[in-house]
Amino acid sequence: MKIVKQWVQEDSDYIREKVIEYNQKHLSNEEKTPSETVSFIVKNEKEEIVGGITAITFWHHVHVDFLWVSEEYRHEGYGSKLIKLIEEFAMEKGCRLINIDTFSFQAPDFYKKHGFKVIGVSEDHPKGHNHYYLEKRL
């Protein structure tokens, strides 16, 4: 037996599949919903991407991976529209909650304004900042 340090995408995919396989054994059939990735993209008149949200659904919830709006387009409602779209998507899929994480230098107040509740905080990480874990029950 040996342990090697390496990064190979196929190895990562294999490990991910094995974790999912293990997890599925511990869930009721009702909870075993298919995983689906989704994104909504904001484009300007030049068809350049100026914002977007990416997420994945599983186990009756949506996990938001990333939400970003270009600085020049912030405070124009695009972030709010993206959150609304992901909420509508979640409800269409029968999801019960949405979760997301963000840092104190990013947008915790934005998410709170949209009904997300802080369910955990990793304080002083990275140094001088906090890492927030939030959810919104639908």
C-alpha atoms as a PDB file:
ATOM      1  CA  MET A   1       0.000   0.000   0.000  1.00  0.00           C
ATOM      2  CA  LYS A   2       1.273   3.488  -0.811  1.00  0.00           C
ATOM      3  CA  ILE A   3      -0.024   7.052  -0.729  1.00  0.00           C
ATOM      4  CA  VAL A   4       1.019   9.439  -3.489  1.00  0.00           C
ATOM      5  CA  LYS A   5       0.586  13.185  -3.783  1.00  0.00           C
ATOM      6  CA  GLN A   6      -0.851  14.035  -7.171  1.00  0.00           C
ATOM      7  CA  TRP A   7      -3.739  15.755  -8.901  1.00  0.00           C
ATOM      8  CA  VAL A   8      -5.466  13.835 -11.664  1.00  0.00           C
ATOM      9  CA  GLN A   9      -9.020  14.829 -12.615  1.00  0.00           C
ATOM     10  CA  GLU A  10     -10.057  11.219 -13.126  1.00  0.00           C
ATOM     11  CA  ASP A  11      -8.888  10.339  -9.603  1.00  0.00           C
ATOM     12  CA  SER A  12     -10.863  13.240  -8.173  1.00  0.00           C
ATOM     13  CA  ASP A  13     -13.952  12.170 -10.117  1.00  0.00           C
ATOM     14  CA  TYR A  14     -13.566   8.584  -8.865  1.00  0.00           C
ATOM     15  CA  ILE A  15     -13.303   9.696  -5.224  1.00  0.00           C
ATOM     16  CA  ARG A  16     -16.329  11.972  -5.668  1.00  0.00           C
ATOM     17  CA  GLU A  17     -18.350   9.085  -7.141  1.00  0.00           C
ATOM     18  CA  LYS A  18     -17.394   6.822  -4.222  1.00  0.00           C
ATOM     19  CA  VAL A  19     -18.457   9.440  -1.648  1.00  0.00           C
ATOM     20  CA  ILE A  20     -21.773   9.924  -3.462  1.00  0.00           C
ATOM     21  CA  GLU A  21     -22.264   6.151  -3.617  1.00  0.00           C
ATOM     22  CA  TYR A  22     -21.629   5.884   0.136  1.00  0.00           C
ATOM     23  CA  ASN A  23     -23.935   8.808   0.936  1.00  0.00           C
ATOM     24  CA  GLN A  24     -26.764   7.378  -1.156  1.00  0.00           C
ATOM     25  CA  LYS A  25     -26.809   4.245   1.016  1.00  0.00           C
ATOM     26  CA  HIS A  26     -27.807   6.379   4.007  1.00  0.00           C
ATOM     27  CA  LEU A  27     -30.693   8.260   2.400  1.00  0.00           C
ATOM     28  CA  SER A  28     -34.309   7.350   1.912  1.00  0.00           C
ATOM     29  CA  ASN A  29     -35.426   6.941  -1.682  1.00  0.00           C
ATOM     30  CA  GLU A  30     -37.421  10.163  -1.291  1.00  0.00           C
ATOM     31  CA  GLU A  31     -34.201  12.095  -0.608  1.00  0.00           C
ATOM     32  CA  LYS A  32     -32.269  10.630  -3.540  1.00  0.00           C
ATOM     33  CA  THR A  33     -32.945  13.406  -6.014  1.00  0.00           C
ATOM     34  CA  PRO A  34     -30.861  13.659  -9.167  1.00  0.00           C
ATOM     35  CA  SER A  35     -28.046  16.170  -9.117  1.00  0.00           C
ATOM     36  CA  GLU A  36     -28.316  19.019 -11.599  1.00  0.00           C
ATOM     37  CA  THR A  37     -26.022  21.947 -12.274  1.00  0.00           C
ATOM     38  CA  VAL A  38     -27.453  25.290 -13.317  1.00  0.00           C
ATOM     39  CA  SER A  39     -26.222  28.764 -14.124  1.00  0.00           C
ATOM     40  CA  PHE A  40     -27.818  32.062 -15.040  1.00  0.00           C
ATOM     41  CA  ILE A  41     -25.561  34.498 -16.880  1.00  0.00           C
ATOM     42  CA  VAL A  42     -25.875  38.280 -17.267  1.00  0.00           C
ATOM     43  CA  LYS A  43     -24.547  39.633 -20.568  1.00  0.00           C
ATOM     44  CA  ASN A  44     -24.219  43.229 -21.672  1.00  0.00           C
ATOM     45  CA  GLU A  45     -25.128  44.595 -25.101  1.00  0.00           C
ATOM     46  CA  LYS A  46     -21.724  43.407 -26.422  1.00  0.00           C
ATOM     47  CA  GLU A  47     -22.569  39.851 -25.265  1.00  0.00           C
ATOM     48  CA  GLU A  48     -19.810  40.023 -22.623  1.00  0.00           C
ATOM     49  CA  ILE A  49     -20.451  38.181 -19.379  1.00  0.00           C
ATOM     50  CA  VAL A  50     -20.868  40.772 -16.627  1.00  0.00           C
ATOM     51  CA  GLY A  51     -22.400  38.562 -13.966  1.00  0.00           C
ATOM     52  CA  GLY A  52     -23.811  35.205 -13.118  1.00  0.00           C
ATOM     53  CA  ILE A  53     -24.713  32.574 -10.596  1.00  0.00           C
ATOM     54  CA  THR A  54     -23.740  28.892 -10.627  1.00  0.00           C
ATOM     55  CA  ALA A  55     -25.301  26.212  -8.465  1.00  0.00           C
ATOM     56  CA  ILE A  56     -25.993  22.519  -8.051  1.00  0.00           C
ATOM     57  CA  THR A  57     -29.091  20.727  -6.777  1.00  0.00           C
ATOM     58  CA  PHE A  58     -29.111  17.531  -4.743  1.00  0.00           C
ATOM     59  CA  TRP A  59     -31.060  16.137  -1.798  1.00  0.00           C
ATOM     60  CA  HIS A  60     -33.870  18.681  -2.236  1.00  0.00           C
ATOM     61  CA  HIS A  61     -31.646  21.722  -1.914  1.00  0.00           C
ATOM     62  CA  VAL A  62     -29.624  24.095  -4.048  1.00  0.00           C
ATOM     63  CA  HIS A  63     -26.029  24.882  -3.187  1.00  0.00           C
ATOM     64  CA  VAL A  64     -24.874  28.147  -4.763  1.00  0.00           C
ATOM     65  CA  ASP A  65     -21.243  27.829  -5.791  1.00  0.00           C
ATOM     66  CA  PHE A  66     -20.667  31.343  -7.096  1.00  0.00           C
ATOM     67  CA  LEU A  67     -22.535  34.611  -7.560  1.00  0.00           C
ATOM     68  CA  TRP A  68     -20.645  37.454  -9.212  1.00  0.00           C
ATOM     69  CA  VAL A  69     -21.528  40.785 -10.801  1.00  0.00           C
ATOM     70  CA  SER A  70     -18.893  42.993 -12.415  1.00  0.00           C
ATOM     71  CA  GLU A  71     -18.138  46.042 -10.272  1.00  0.00           C
ATOM     72  CA  GLU A  72     -19.375  48.426 -12.963  1.00  0.00           C
ATOM     73  CA  TYR A  73     -22.819  46.764 -12.893  1.00  0.00           C
ATOM     74  CA  ARG A  74     -23.240  46.397  -9.134  1.00  0.00           C
ATOM     75  CA  HIS A  75     -26.111  48.142  -7.324  1.00  0.00           C
ATOM     76  CA  GLU A  76     -28.274  47.903 -10.458  1.00  0.00           C
ATOM     77  CA  GLY A  77     -30.305  44.919  -9.251  1.00  0.00           C
ATOM     78  CA  TYR A  78     -28.564  42.146 -11.187  1.00  0.00           C
ATOM     79  CA  GLY A  79     -27.483  40.251  -8.071  1.00  0.00           C
ATOM     80  CA  SER A  80     -31.038  40.396  -6.723  1.00  0.00           C
ATOM     81  CA  LYS A  81     -32.415  39.168 -10.051  1.00  0.00           C
ATOM     82  CA  LEU A  82     -29.958  36.262 -10.022  1.00  0.00           C
ATOM     83  CA  ILE A  83     -30.982  35.289  -6.480  1.00  0.00           C
ATOM     84  CA  LYS A  84     -34.654  35.464  -7.503  1.00  0.00           C
ATOM     85  CA  LEU A  85     -33.981  33.225 -10.517  1.00  0.00           C
ATOM     86  CA  ILE A  86     -32.138  30.633  -8.437  1.00  0.00           C
ATOM     87  CA  GLU A  87     -34.990  30.659  -5.889  1.00  0.00           C
ATOM     88  CA  GLU A  88     -37.542  30.102  -8.663  1.00  0.00           C
ATOM     89  CA  PHE A  89     -35.396  27.293 -10.070  1.00  0.00           C
ATOM     90  CA  ALA A  90     -35.134  25.711  -6.602  1.00  0.00           C
ATOM     91  CA  MET A  91     -38.898  25.794  -6.120  1.00  0.00           C
ATOM     92  CA  GLU A  92     -39.493  24.308  -9.588  1.00  0.00           C
ATOM     93  CA  LYS A  93     -37.206  21.426  -8.605  1.00  0.00           C
ATOM     94  CA  GLY A  94     -39.008  20.874  -5.301  1.00  0.00           C
ATOM     95  CA  CYS A  95     -36.065  22.030  -3.196  1.00  0.00           C
ATOM     96  CA  ARG A  96     -36.561  22.878   0.463  1.00  0.00           C
ATOM     97  CA  LEU A  97     -33.619  25.203   0.945  1.00  0.00           C
ATOM     98  CA  ILE A  98     -30.762  27.094  -0.662  1.00  0.00           C
ATOM     99  CA  ASN A  99     -27.347  27.338   0.944  1.00  0.00           C
ATOM    100  CA  ILE A 100     -24.371  29.513   0.193  1.00  0.00           C
ATOM    101  CA  ASP A 101     -21.144  30.624   1.808  1.00  0.00           C
ATOM    102  CA  THR A 102     -19.529  34.050   1.614  1.00  0.00           C
ATOM    103  CA  PHE A 103     -16.779  36.056   3.265  1.00  0.00           C
ATOM    104  CA  SER A 104     -17.134  39.244   5.297  1.00  0.00           C
ATOM    105  CA  PHE A 105     -15.432  41.173   2.463  1.00  0.00           C
ATOM    106  CA  GLN A 106     -17.953  39.812  -0.034  1.00  0.00           C
ATOM    107  CA  ALA A 107     -21.710  39.964   0.492  1.00  0.00           C
ATOM    108  CA  PRO A 108     -23.113  38.610   3.781  1.00  0.00           C
ATOM    109  CA  ASP A 109     -25.462  41.586   4.173  1.00  0.00           C
ATOM    110  CA  PHE A 110     -26.722  41.169   0.602  1.00  0.00           C
ATOM    111  CA  TYR A 111     -27.748  37.581   1.320  1.00  0.00           C
ATOM    112  CA  LYS A 112     -29.316  38.505   4.670  1.00  0.00           C
ATOM    113  CA  LYS A 113     -31.344  41.192   2.866  1.00  0.00           C
ATOM    114  CA  HIS A 114     -32.681  38.417   0.632  1.00  0.00           C
ATOM    115  CA  GLY A 115     -33.848  36.279   3.543  1.00  0.00           C
ATOM    116  CA  PHE A 116     -30.790  34.091   4.119  1.00  0.00           C
ATOM    117  CA  LYS A 117     -29.943  33.242   7.733  1.00  0.00           C
ATOM    118  CA  VAL A 118     -26.424  32.732   9.060  1.00  0.00           C
ATOM    119  CA  ILE A 119     -26.091  29.130  10.248  1.00  0.00           C
ATOM    120  CA  GLY A 120     -22.358  29.186  10.929  1.00  0.00           C
ATOM    121  CA  VAL A 121     -19.285  31.390  10.994  1.00  0.00           C
ATOM    122  CA  SER A 122     -15.616  30.539  10.731  1.00  0.00           C
ATOM    123  CA  GLU A 123     -14.109  33.539  12.497  1.00  0.00           C
ATOM    124  CA  ASP A 124     -10.841  35.187  11.543  1.00  0.00           C
ATOM    125  CA  HIS A 125     -10.542  33.129   8.379  1.00  0.00           C
ATOM    126  CA  PRO A 126      -8.909  34.315   6.291  1.00  0.00           C
ATOM    127  CA  LYS A 127      -7.014  36.394   8.830  1.00  0.00           C
ATOM    128  CA  GLY A 128      -8.960  39.540   9.654  1.00  0.00           C
ATOM    129  CA  HIS A 129     -12.176  38.296   8.006  1.00  0.00           C
ATOM    130  CA  ASN A 130     -15.028  35.872   8.659  1.00  0.00           C
ATOM    131  CA  HIS A 131     -16.391  33.068   6.506  1.00  0.00           C
ATOM    132  CA  TYR A 132     -20.204  32.878   6.691  1.00  0.00           C
ATOM    133  CA  TYR A 133     -22.434  29.896   5.956  1.00  0.00           C
ATOM    134  CA  LEU A 134     -26.028  30.833   5.156  1.00  0.00           C
ATOM    135  CA  GLU A 135     -29.267  29.125   4.207  1.00  0.00           C
ATOM    136  CA  LYS A 136     -32.729  30.101   3.109  1.00  0.00           C
ATOM    137  CA  ARG A 137     -35.642  27.747   3.741  1.00  0.00           C
ATOM    138  CA  LEU A 138     -38.193  27.759   0.958  1.00  0.00           C
END
